[in-house]
Protein backbone atom coordinates (compact mmCIF):
# COMPACT_ATOMS: atom_id res chain seq x y z
CA MET A 1 0.45 -0.03 -0.23
CA LYS A 2 1.48 3.02 -0.74
CA ARG A 3 1.54 6.03 2.36
CA LYS A 4 0.17 9.27 1.24
CA ARG A 5 1.90 12.16 2.52
CA HIS A 6 0.05 15.34 3.67
CA SER A 7 0.71 19.17 3.51
CA PRO A 8 -0.08 20.94 7.15
CA GLU A 9 -3.08 22.60 5.25
CA GLN A 10 -4.35 19.62 4.10
CA ILE A 11 -4.14 17.96 7.71
CA ILE A 12 -5.43 21.28 9.00
CA ARG A 13 -8.89 21.28 7.01
CA MET A 14 -9.41 17.53 7.56
CA LEU A 15 -9.18 18.16 11.13
CA ARG A 16 -11.46 20.80 10.88
CA SER A 17 -13.98 18.73 9.05
CA ALA A 18 -13.18 15.80 11.75
CA GLU A 19 -14.33 18.29 14.25
CA GLN A 20 -17.81 19.36 12.15
CA LEU A 21 -18.36 15.32 12.36
CA LEU A 22 -17.21 14.86 15.68
CA ASN A 23 -19.71 17.85 17.19
CA GLN A 24 -22.52 16.11 14.57
CA GLY A 25 -22.44 12.77 17.18
CA GLN A 26 -20.35 10.80 14.77
CA LYS A 27 -17.23 8.45 16.77
CA VAL A 28 -13.71 8.93 16.12
CA ALA A 29 -13.84 5.68 14.40
CA ASP A 30 -15.77 6.32 12.03
CA VAL A 31 -14.32 10.51 11.58
CA CYS A 32 -11.27 8.16 11.03
CA ARG A 33 -12.67 5.90 8.08
CA ALA A 34 -14.56 9.20 6.73
CA LEU A 35 -11.02 10.72 6.17
CA GLU A 36 -9.33 7.61 5.28
CA VAL A 37 -6.24 7.12 8.41
CA SER A 38 -5.61 5.51 10.72
CA ALA A 39 -7.14 6.55 14.52
CA ALA A 40 -3.32 6.94 15.97
CA THR A 41 -2.43 9.53 12.65
CA TYR A 42 -5.56 11.08 13.52
CA HIS A 43 -4.56 11.68 17.34
CA ARG A 44 -1.03 12.54 16.43
CA TRP A 45 -2.43 15.28 13.76
CA GLN A 46 -4.42 16.42 16.43
CA GLN A 47 -1.70 16.57 18.88
CA LEU A 48 0.23 18.27 16.34
CA TYR A 49 -1.96 20.79 14.83
CA GLY A 50 -4.92 20.96 16.41
CA GLY A 51 -5.86 24.44 17.36
CA MET A 52 -3.25 25.76 14.01
CA ARG A 53 -4.21 27.87 11.45
CA ALA A 54 -2.40 26.88 7.87
CA THR A 55 -0.05 29.49 7.90
CA GLU A 56 1.09 28.96 11.70
CA ALA A 57 1.57 24.97 10.51
CA ASN A 58 3.46 26.20 7.43
CA ARG A 59 5.83 28.31 9.38
CA LEU A 60 6.32 25.56 11.85
CA LYS A 61 7.08 22.81 8.63
CA GLU A 62 9.85 25.69 7.92
CA LEU A 63 11.26 25.81 11.25
CA GLU A 64 11.72 21.99 11.87
CA GLN A 65 13.82 22.46 8.07
CA GLU A 66 15.95 25.10 9.40
CA ASN A 67 16.64 23.06 12.88
CA SER A 68 17.39 20.12 11.03
CA ARG A 69 19.74 22.35 8.54
CA LEU A 70 21.49 23.73 11.57
CA LYS A 71 21.82 20.43 13.32
CA ARG A 72 23.22 19.14 10.32
CA LEU A 73 25.49 21.98 10.29
CA LEU A 74 26.78 21.87 13.89
CA ALA A 75 27.85 18.33 12.97
CA ASP A 76 30.15 19.34 10.51
CA ALA A 77 31.90 21.75 12.16
CA GLU A 78 32.34 19.62 14.94
CA LEU A 79 33.83 16.46 13.08
CA ASP A 80 36.33 18.88 11.44
CA LYS A 81 36.76 19.97 14.54
CA ALA A 82 37.63 16.49 16.15
CA MET A 83 39.56 15.85 12.77
CA LEU A 84 41.92 18.85 13.24
CA LYS A 85 42.26 18.10 16.80
CA GLU A 86 43.74 14.87 16.05
CA LEU A 87 46.06 15.87 13.47
CA ALA A 88 47.53 18.99 15.14
CA GLU A 89 48.61 15.86 18.19
CA GLY A 90 49.88 13.74 15.90
CA ASN A 91 47.29 10.81 16.28
CA PHE A 92 46.61 9.86 12.60
């Protein structure tokens, strides 16, 4: 089965429709079936994106990407520093 990737805007739209269905008296299992996602996915989305607007979700995604990029840069710098330290000590 092919895995679907949903954008933050799509997730927020789906959560809003899920909230409407829940307010109409439907159960979470029925809502998940209507959204074509598992209950675990629904609850994870609710935890991550519940109460967010689409612009806030986009900003969150951008910040997460920037954070991962900065972590990679820091790891590379630390690795270079360790290699230079070894070379300076003559332990190669």
